[in-house]
Amino acid sequence: MAVQLTPGDAEKNIGDIEAARDRAVAKLQKISDTQHVMLSSGWQGDSATHYGNTSNEHNEVFHGIINQLNHIVELGSTHMRSVSSTDGNS
């Protein structure tokens, strides 16, 4: 069984993957923005400090997720374009 992927299909799939990544990045940014608003509202005390520390940890994880998503998009795009190019030359 051969893999068949036209350049048009590849670009559509790449666009879908990029859109999914962009939605995830937007959601993560919204969470980060909400955390920032909460922490800059004058909230003080042990709970605020604890939440601030947890929030920083979450943001580091979010950035790691975004980096992984970007890598997946880049790698997937390269592979799909390669397959579609090869299919077109067969």
PDB file of N, CA and C in Angstrom:
ATOM      1  N   MET A   1       0.853  -1.167   0.000  1.00  0.00           N
ATOM      2  CA  MET A   1       0.000   0.000   0.000  1.00  0.00           C
ATOM      3  C   MET A   1       0.901   1.232   0.000  1.00  0.00           C
ATOM      4  N   ALA A   2       0.682   2.119  -0.927  1.00  0.00           N
ATOM      5  CA  ALA A   2       1.480   3.330  -1.066  1.00  0.00           C
ATOM      6  C   ALA A   2       0.771   4.510  -0.408  1.00  0.00           C
ATOM      7  N   VAL A   3       1.550   5.418   0.087  1.00  0.00           N
ATOM      8  CA  VAL A   3       1.023   6.656   0.627  1.00  0.00           C
ATOM      9  C   VAL A   3       0.866   7.626  -0.529  1.00  0.00           C
ATOM     10  N   GLN A   4      -0.308   8.212  -0.665  1.00  0.00           N
ATOM     11  CA  GLN A   4      -0.519   9.197  -1.708  1.00  0.00           C
ATOM     12  C   GLN A   4      -0.953  10.497  -1.062  1.00  0.00           C
ATOM     13  N   LEU A   5      -0.227  11.546  -1.396  1.00  0.00           N
ATOM     14  CA  LEU A   5      -0.501  12.849  -0.822  1.00  0.00           C
ATOM     15  C   LEU A   5      -0.156  13.897  -1.865  1.00  0.00           C
ATOM     16  N   THR A   6      -1.180  14.571  -2.356  1.00  0.00           N
ATOM     17  CA  THR A   6      -0.926  15.613  -3.345  1.00  0.00           C
ATOM     18  C   THR A   6      -0.383  16.849  -2.641  1.00  0.00           C
ATOM     19  N   PRO A   7       0.313  17.714  -3.360  1.00  0.00           N
ATOM     20  CA  PRO A   7       0.782  18.956  -2.737  1.00  0.00           C
ATOM     21  C   PRO A   7      -0.367  19.774  -2.138  1.00  0.00           C
ATOM     22  N   GLY A   8      -1.509  19.782  -2.806  1.00  0.00           N
ATOM     23  CA  GLY A   8      -2.667  20.511  -2.275  1.00  0.00           C
ATOM     24  C   GLY A   8      -3.171  19.914  -0.971  1.00  0.00           C
ATOM     25  N   ASP A   9      -3.239  18.575  -0.928  1.00  0.00           N
ATOM     26  CA  ASP A   9      -3.661  17.902   0.310  1.00  0.00           C
ATOM     27  C   ASP A   9      -2.660  18.155   1.431  1.00  0.00           C
ATOM     28  N   ALA A  10      -1.383  18.108   1.078  1.00  0.00           N
ATOM     29  CA  ALA A  10      -0.342  18.343   2.080  1.00  0.00           C
ATOM     30  C   ALA A  10      -0.489  19.740   2.673  1.00  0.00           C
ATOM     31  N   GLU A  11      -0.673  20.740   1.815  1.00  0.00           N
ATOM     32  CA  GLU A  11      -0.797  22.118   2.305  1.00  0.00           C
ATOM     33  C   GLU A  11      -2.046  22.303   3.151  1.00  0.00           C
ATOM     34  N   LYS A  12      -3.151  21.640   2.779  1.00  0.00           N
ATOM     35  CA  LYS A  12      -4.365  21.717   3.592  1.00  0.00           C
ATOM     36  C   LYS A  12      -4.124  21.096   4.965  1.00  0.00           C
ATOM     37  N   ASN A  13      -3.496  19.916   4.977  1.00  0.00           N
ATOM     38  CA  ASN A  13      -3.204  19.249   6.250  1.00  0.00           C
ATOM     39  C   ASN A  13      -2.256  20.079   7.102  1.00  0.00           C
ATOM     40  N   ILE A  14      -1.258  20.658   6.481  1.00  0.00           N
ATOM     41  CA  ILE A  14      -0.316  21.515   7.212  1.00  0.00           C
ATOM     42  C   ILE A  14      -1.063  22.712   7.793  1.00  0.00           C
ATOM     43  N   GLY A  15      -1.949  23.299   6.993  1.00  0.00           N
ATOM     44  CA  GLY A  15      -2.758  24.422   7.490  1.00  0.00           C
ATOM     45  C   GLY A  15      -3.615  24.027   8.677  1.00  0.00           C
ATOM     46  N   ASP A  16      -4.205  22.834   8.617  1.00  0.00           N
ATOM     47  CA  ASP A  16      -5.021  22.335   9.728  1.00  0.00           C
ATOM     48  C   ASP A  16      -4.174  22.152  10.994  1.00  0.00           C
ATOM     49  N   ILE A  17      -2.980  21.600  10.822  1.00  0.00           N
ATOM     50  CA  ILE A  17      -2.081  21.384  11.958  1.00  0.00           C
ATOM     51  C   ILE A  17      -1.653  22.726  12.554  1.00  0.00           C
ATOM     52  N   GLU A  18      -1.307  23.665  11.678  1.00  0.00           N
ATOM     53  CA  GLU A  18      -0.900  24.993  12.158  1.00  0.00           C
ATOM     54  C   GLU A  18      -2.055  25.685  12.885  1.00  0.00           C
ATOM     55  N   ALA A  19      -3.267  25.547  12.372  1.00  0.00           N
ATOM     56  CA  ALA A  19      -4.434  26.159  13.013  1.00  0.00           C
ATOM     57  C   ALA A  19      -4.671  25.547  14.399  1.00  0.00           C
ATOM     58  N   ALA A  20      -4.527  24.221  14.506  1.00  0.00           N
ATOM     59  CA  ALA A  20      -4.693  23.553  15.801  1.00  0.00           C
ATOM     60  C   ALA A  20      -3.631  24.030  16.784  1.00  0.00           C
ATOM     61  N   ARG A  21      -2.389  24.148  16.294  1.00  0.00           N
ATOM     62  CA  ARG A  21      -1.318  24.663  17.149  1.00  0.00           C
ATOM     63  C   ARG A  21      -1.627  26.087  17.586  1.00  0.00           C
ATOM     64  N   ASP A  22      -2.084  26.925  16.658  1.00  0.00           N
ATOM     65  CA  ASP A  22      -2.387  28.318  16.976  1.00  0.00           C
ATOM     66  C   ASP A  22      -3.506  28.432  18.003  1.00  0.00           C
ATOM     67  N   ARG A  23      -4.516  27.551  17.899  1.00  0.00           N
ATOM     68  CA  ARG A  23      -5.599  27.549  18.900  1.00  0.00           C
ATOM     69  C   ARG A  23      -5.058  27.171  20.276  1.00  0.00           C
ATOM     70  N   ALA A  24      -4.182  26.164  20.319  1.00  0.00           N
ATOM     71  CA  ALA A  24      -3.597  25.747  21.597  1.00  0.00           C
ATOM     72  C   ALA A  24      -2.752  26.870  22.189  1.00  0.00           C
ATOM     73  N   VAL A  25      -1.971  27.525  21.356  1.00  0.00           N
ATOM     74  CA  VAL A  25      -1.131  28.633  21.824  1.00  0.00           C
ATOM     75  C   VAL A  25      -2.015  29.761  22.357  1.00  0.00           C
ATOM     76  N   ALA A  26      -3.106  30.060  21.661  1.00  0.00           N
ATOM     77  CA  ALA A  26      -4.011  31.118  22.112  1.00  0.00           C
ATOM     78  C   ALA A  26      -4.641  30.770  23.460  1.00  0.00           C
ATOM     79  N   LYS A  27      -5.039  29.506  23.625  1.00  0.00           N
ATOM     80  CA  LYS A  27      -5.620  29.078  24.906  1.00  0.00           C
ATOM     81  C   LYS A  27      -4.596  29.192  26.037  1.00  0.00           C
ATOM     82  N   LEU A  28      -3.372  28.760  25.763  1.00  0.00           N
ATOM     83  CA  LEU A  28      -2.326  28.841  26.782  1.00  0.00           C
ATOM     84  C   LEU A  28      -2.024  30.290  27.122  1.00  0.00           C
ATOM     85  N   GLN A  29      -2.036  31.158  26.115  1.00  0.00           N
ATOM     86  CA  GLN A  29      -1.790  32.579  26.364  1.00  0.00           C
ATOM     87  C   GLN A  29      -2.917  33.186  27.193  1.00  0.00           C
ATOM     88  N   LYS A  30      -4.152  32.771  26.930  1.00  0.00           N
ATOM     89  CA  LYS A  30      -5.293  33.264  27.700  1.00  0.00           C
ATOM     90  C   LYS A  30      -5.159  32.864  29.168  1.00  0.00           C
ATOM     91  N   ILE A  31      -4.739  31.626  29.409  1.00  0.00           N
ATOM     92  CA  ILE A  31      -4.518  31.171  30.790  1.00  0.00           C
ATOM     93  C   ILE A  31      -3.440  32.019  31.446  1.00  0.00           C
ATOM     94  N   SER A  32      -2.346  32.237  30.738  1.00  0.00           N
ATOM     95  CA  SER A  32      -1.241  33.034  31.268  1.00  0.00           C
ATOM     96  C   SER A  32      -1.694  34.465  31.563  1.00  0.00           C
ATOM     97  N   ASP A  33      -2.470  35.051  30.660  1.00  0.00           N
ATOM     98  CA  ASP A  33      -2.968  36.412  30.866  1.00  0.00           C
ATOM     99  C   ASP A  33      -3.872  36.484  32.091  1.00  0.00           C
ATOM    100  N   THR A  34      -4.740  35.492  32.251  1.00  0.00           N
ATOM    101  CA  THR A  34      -5.643  35.461  33.410  1.00  0.00           C
ATOM    102  C   THR A  34      -4.843  35.341  34.705  1.00  0.00           C
ATOM    103  N   GLN A  35      -3.817  34.491  34.695  1.00  0.00           N
ATOM    104  CA  GLN A  35      -2.965  34.352  35.874  1.00  0.00           C
ATOM    105  C   GLN A  35      -2.282  35.678  36.195  1.00  0.00           C
ATOM    106  N   HIS A  36      -1.810  36.354  35.177  1.00  0.00           N
ATOM    107  CA  HIS A  36      -1.132  37.642  35.379  1.00  0.00           C
ATOM    108  C   HIS A  36      -2.089  38.664  36.000  1.00  0.00           C
ATOM    109  N   VAL A  37      -3.321  38.727  35.511  1.00  0.00           N
ATOM    110  CA  VAL A  37      -4.321  39.657  36.052  1.00  0.00           C
ATOM    111  C   VAL A  37      -4.594  39.337  37.515  1.00  0.00           C
ATOM    112  N   MET A  38      -4.738  38.058  37.812  1.00  0.00           N
ATOM    113  CA  MET A  38      -5.008  37.658  39.200  1.00  0.00           C
ATOM    114  C   MET A  38      -3.873  38.090  40.117  1.00  0.00           C
ATOM    115  N   LEU A  39      -2.641  37.889  39.656  1.00  0.00           N
ATOM    116  CA  LEU A  39      -1.496  38.163  40.518  1.00  0.00           C
ATOM    117  C   LEU A  39      -1.163  39.653  40.597  1.00  0.00           C
ATOM    118  N   SER A  40      -1.626  40.434  39.654  1.00  0.00           N
ATOM    119  CA  SER A  40      -1.328  41.865  39.693  1.00  0.00           C
ATOM    120  C   SER A  40      -2.473  42.667  40.300  1.00  0.00           C
ATOM    121  N   SER A  41      -3.476  41.981  40.821  1.00  0.00           N
ATOM    122  CA  SER A  41      -4.663  42.650  41.357  1.00  0.00           C
ATOM    123  C   SER A  41      -4.491  43.105  42.808  1.00  0.00           C
ATOM    124  N   GLY A  42      -3.313  42.958  43.351  1.00  0.00           N
ATOM    125  CA  GLY A  42      -3.111  43.342  44.745  1.00  0.00           C
ATOM    126  C   GLY A  42      -3.318  42.189  45.707  1.00  0.00           C
ATOM    127  N   TRP A  43      -3.534  41.020  45.166  1.00  0.00           N
ATOM    128  CA  TRP A  43      -3.692  39.815  45.982  1.00  0.00           C
ATOM    129  C   TRP A  43      -2.384  39.572  46.703  1.00  0.00           C
ATOM    130  N   GLN A  44      -2.441  39.396  48.012  1.00  0.00           N
ATOM    131  CA  GLN A  44      -1.230  39.223  48.806  1.00  0.00           C
ATOM    132  C   GLN A  44      -1.400  38.061  49.772  1.00  0.00           C
ATOM    133  N   GLY A  45      -0.303  37.705  50.393  1.00  0.00           N
ATOM    134  CA  GLY A  45      -0.342  36.649  51.392  1.00  0.00           C
ATOM    135  C   GLY A  45       0.224  35.346  50.866  1.00  0.00           C
ATOM    136  N   ASP A  46       0.167  34.341  51.748  1.00  0.00           N
ATOM    137  CA  ASP A  46       0.728  33.033  51.406  1.00  0.00           C
ATOM    138  C   ASP A  46       0.043  32.403  50.199  1.00  0.00           C
ATOM    139  N   SER A  47      -1.264  32.553  50.119  1.00  0.00           N
ATOM    140  CA  SER A  47      -1.992  31.968  48.986  1.00  0.00           C
ATOM    141  C   SER A  47      -1.547  32.594  47.673  1.00  0.00           C
ATOM    142  N   ALA A  48      -1.389  33.907  47.654  1.00  0.00           N
ATOM    143  CA  ALA A  48      -0.941  34.601  46.446  1.00  0.00           C
ATOM    144  C   ALA A  48       0.470  34.171  46.072  1.00  0.00           C
ATOM    145  N   THR A  49       1.335  34.069  47.058  1.00  0.00           N
ATOM    146  CA  THR A  49       2.721  33.652  46.800  1.00  0.00           C
ATOM    147  C   THR A  49       2.748  32.229  46.252  1.00  0.00           C
ATOM    148  N   HIS A  50       1.996  31.347  46.892  1.00  0.00           N
ATOM    149  CA  HIS A  50       1.943  29.959  46.437  1.00  0.00           C
ATOM    150  C   HIS A  50       1.388  29.887  45.012  1.00  0.00           C
ATOM    151  N   TYR A  51       0.299  30.609  44.770  1.00  0.00           N
ATOM    152  CA  TYR A  51      -0.286  30.587  43.434  1.00  0.00           C
ATOM    153  C   TYR A  51       0.688  31.185  42.409  1.00  0.00           C
ATOM    154  N   GLY A  52       1.386  32.240  42.776  1.00  0.00           N
ATOM    155  CA  GLY A  52       2.368  32.849  41.879  1.00  0.00           C
ATOM    156  C   GLY A  52       3.461  31.862  41.499  1.00  0.00           C
ATOM    157  N   ASN A  53       3.955  31.121  42.479  1.00  0.00           N
ATOM    158  CA  ASN A  53       4.982  30.114  42.200  1.00  0.00           C
ATOM    159  C   ASN A  53       4.440  29.007  41.293  1.00  0.00           C
ATOM    160  N   THR A  54       3.227  28.559  41.596  1.00  0.00           N
ATOM    161  CA  THR A  54       2.597  27.527  40.776  1.00  0.00           C
ATOM    162  C   THR A  54       2.353  28.050  39.364  1.00  0.00           C
ATOM    163  N   SER A  55       1.919  29.284  39.272  1.00  0.00           N
ATOM    164  CA  SER A  55       1.673  29.913  37.974  1.00  0.00           C
ATOM    165  C   SER A  55       2.950  29.970  37.142  1.00  0.00           C
ATOM    166  N   ASN A  56       4.059  30.321  37.762  1.00  0.00           N
ATOM    167  CA  ASN A  56       5.344  30.362  37.046  1.00  0.00           C
ATOM    168  C   ASN A  56       5.727  28.971  36.535  1.00  0.00           C
ATOM    169  N   GLU A  57       5.499  27.959  37.366  1.00  0.00           N
ATOM    170  CA  GLU A  57       5.781  26.584  36.941  1.00  0.00           C
ATOM    171  C   GLU A  57       4.905  26.203  35.749  1.00  0.00           C
ATOM    172  N   HIS A  58       3.630  26.563  35.818  1.00  0.00           N
ATOM    173  CA  HIS A  58       2.711  26.262  34.717  1.00  0.00           C
ATOM    174  C   HIS A  58       3.159  26.952  33.438  1.00  0.00           C
ATOM    175  N   ASN A  59       3.567  28.204  33.563  1.00  0.00           N
ATOM    176  CA  ASN A  59       4.002  28.940  32.376  1.00  0.00           C
ATOM    177  C   ASN A  59       5.231  28.299  31.734  1.00  0.00           C
ATOM    178  N   GLU A  60       6.136  27.780  32.546  1.00  0.00           N
ATOM    179  CA  GLU A  60       7.296  27.076  32.000  1.00  0.00           C
ATOM    180  C   GLU A  60       6.843  25.818  31.241  1.00  0.00           C
ATOM    181  N   VAL A  61       5.882  25.109  31.805  1.00  0.00           N
ATOM    182  CA  VAL A  61       5.342  23.923  31.134  1.00  0.00           C
ATOM    183  C   VAL A  61       4.645  24.341  29.834  1.00  0.00           C
ATOM    184  N   PHE A  62       3.866  25.428  29.886  1.00  0.00           N
ATOM    185  CA  PHE A  62       3.177  25.913  28.694  1.00  0.00           C
ATOM    186  C   PHE A  62       4.166  26.230  27.580  1.00  0.00           C
ATOM    187  N   HIS A  63       5.267  26.897  27.937  1.00  0.00           N
ATOM    188  CA  HIS A  63       6.271  27.227  26.924  1.00  0.00           C
ATOM    189  C   HIS A  63       6.894  25.951  26.343  1.00  0.00           C
ATOM    190  N   GLY A  64       7.079  24.955  27.169  1.00  0.00           N
ATOM    191  CA  GLY A  64       7.582  23.673  26.683  1.00  0.00           C
ATOM    192  C   GLY A  64       6.607  23.025  25.713  1.00  0.00           C
ATOM    193  N   ILE A  65       5.318  23.095  26.041  1.00  0.00           N
ATOM    194  CA  ILE A  65       4.289  22.536  25.160  1.00  0.00           C
ATOM    195  C   ILE A  65       4.291  23.286  23.827  1.00  0.00           C
ATOM    196  N   ILE A  66       4.353  24.607  23.885  1.00  0.00           N
ATOM    197  CA  ILE A  66       4.370  25.409  22.661  1.00  0.00           C
ATOM    198  C   ILE A  66       5.591  25.059  21.814  1.00  0.00           C
ATOM    199  N   ASN A  67       6.738  24.917  22.445  1.00  0.00           N
ATOM    200  CA  ASN A  67       7.944  24.543  21.695  1.00  0.00           C
ATOM    201  C   ASN A  67       7.778  23.173  21.038  1.00  0.00           C
ATOM    202  N   GLN A  68       7.185  22.225  21.762  1.00  0.00           N
ATOM    203  CA  GLN A  68       6.947  20.904  21.189  1.00  0.00           C
ATOM    204  C   GLN A  68       5.958  20.970  20.031  1.00  0.00           C
ATOM    205  N   LEU A  69       4.893  21.760  20.191  1.00  0.00           N
ATOM    206  CA  LEU A  69       3.921  21.917  19.108  1.00  0.00           C
ATOM    207  C   LEU A  69       4.576  22.537  17.873  1.00  0.00           C
ATOM    208  N   ASN A  70       5.406  23.550  18.084  1.00  0.00           N
ATOM    209  CA  ASN A  70       6.107  24.170  16.961  1.00  0.00           C
ATOM    210  C   ASN A  70       7.008  23.161  16.260  1.00  0.00           C
ATOM    211  N   HIS A  71       7.680  22.330  17.031  1.00  0.00           N
ATOM    212  CA  HIS A  71       8.559  21.304  16.454  1.00  0.00           C
ATOM    213  C   HIS A  71       7.737  20.287  15.654  1.00  0.00           C
ATOM    214  N   ILE A  72       6.614  19.876  16.196  1.00  0.00           N
ATOM    215  CA  ILE A  72       5.744  18.920  15.505  1.00  0.00           C
ATOM    216  C   ILE A  72       5.246  19.512  14.192  1.00  0.00           C
ATOM    217  N   VAL A  73       4.821  20.776  14.224  1.00  0.00           N
ATOM    218  CA  VAL A  73       4.341  21.428  13.004  1.00  0.00           C
ATOM    219  C   VAL A  73       5.459  21.500  11.973  1.00  0.00           C
ATOM    220  N   GLU A  74       6.635  21.892  12.414  1.00  0.00           N
ATOM    221  CA  GLU A  74       7.771  22.014  11.492  1.00  0.00           C
ATOM    222  C   GLU A  74       8.139  20.657  10.893  1.00  0.00           C
ATOM    223  N   LEU A  75       8.268  19.663  11.743  1.00  0.00           N
ATOM    224  CA  LEU A  75       8.641  18.326  11.279  1.00  0.00           C
ATOM    225  C   LEU A  75       7.558  17.727  10.388  1.00  0.00           C
ATOM    226  N   GLY A  76       6.308  17.834  10.821  1.00  0.00           N
ATOM    227  CA  GLY A  76       5.205  17.299  10.026  1.00  0.00           C
ATOM    228  C   GLY A  76       5.090  17.989   8.677  1.00  0.00           C
ATOM    229  N   SER A  77       5.276  19.302   8.664  1.00  0.00           N
ATOM    230  CA  SER A  77       5.215  20.045   7.408  1.00  0.00           C
ATOM    231  C   SER A  77       6.304  19.588   6.453  1.00  0.00           C
ATOM    232  N   THR A  78       7.502  19.437   6.974  1.00  0.00           N
ATOM    233  CA  THR A  78       8.621  18.991   6.146  1.00  0.00           C
ATOM    234  C   THR A  78       8.346  17.612   5.562  1.00  0.00           C
ATOM    235  N   HIS A  79       7.867  16.700   6.388  1.00  0.00           N
ATOM    236  CA  HIS A  79       7.605  15.331   5.928  1.00  0.00           C
ATOM    237  C   HIS A  79       6.454  15.281   4.928  1.00  0.00           C
ATOM    238  N   MET A  80       5.384  16.021   5.207  1.00  0.00           N
ATOM    239  CA  MET A  80       4.252  16.004   4.274  1.00  0.00           C
ATOM    240  C   MET A  80       4.636  16.605   2.930  1.00  0.00           C
ATOM    241  N   ARG A  81       5.399  17.680   2.966  1.00  0.00           N
ATOM    242  CA  ARG A  81       5.831  18.275   1.696  1.00  0.00           C
ATOM    243  C   ARG A  81       6.749  17.328   0.940  1.00  0.00           C
ATOM    244  N   SER A  82       7.576  16.613   1.664  1.00  0.00           N
ATOM    245  CA  SER A  82       8.478  15.654   1.033  1.00  0.00           C
ATOM    246  C   SER A  82       7.689  14.520   0.380  1.00  0.00           C
ATOM    247  N   VAL A  83       6.718  13.975   1.107  1.00  0.00           N
ATOM    248  CA  VAL A  83       5.896  12.884   0.579  1.00  0.00           C
ATOM    249  C   VAL A  83       5.110  13.365  -0.630  1.00  0.00           C
ATOM    250  N   SER A  84       4.511  14.560  -0.526  1.00  0.00           N
ATOM    251  CA  SER A  84       3.699  15.047  -1.646  1.00  0.00           C
ATOM    252  C   SER A  84       4.563  15.344  -2.858  1.00  0.00           C
ATOM    253  N   SER A  85       5.777  15.792  -2.636  1.00  0.00           N
ATOM    254  CA  SER A  85       6.706  16.054  -3.726  1.00  0.00           C
ATOM    255  C   SER A  85       7.124  14.753  -4.393  1.00  0.00           C
ATOM    256  N   THR A  86       7.401  13.735  -3.589  1.00  0.00           N
ATOM    257  CA  THR A  86       7.784  12.425  -4.106  1.00  0.00           C
ATOM    258  C   THR A  86       6.642  11.799  -4.892  1.00  0.00           C
ATOM    259  N   ASP A  87       5.417  11.924  -4.350  1.00  0.00           N
ATOM    260  CA  ASP A  87       4.242  11.390  -5.045  1.00  0.00           C
ATOM    261  C   ASP A  87       4.058  12.067  -6.397  1.00  0.00           C
ATOM    262  N   GLY A  88       4.338  13.346  -6.444  1.00  0.00           N
ATOM    263  CA  GLY A  88       4.172  14.087  -7.690  1.00  0.00           C
ATOM    264  C   GLY A  88       5.195  13.709  -8.742  1.00  0.00           C
ATOM    265  N   ASN A  89       6.322  13.163  -8.308  1.00  0.00           N
ATOM    266  CA  ASN A  89       7.395  12.786  -9.233  1.00  0.00           C
ATOM    267  C   ASN A  89       7.357  11.324  -9.646  1.00  0.00           C
ATOM    268  N   SER A  90       6.415  10.567  -9.094  1.00  0.00           N
ATOM    269  CA  SER A  90       6.336   9.132  -9.377  1.00  0.00           C
ATOM    270  C   SER A  90       5.695   8.873 -10.707  1.00  0.00           C
TER     271      SER A  90
END
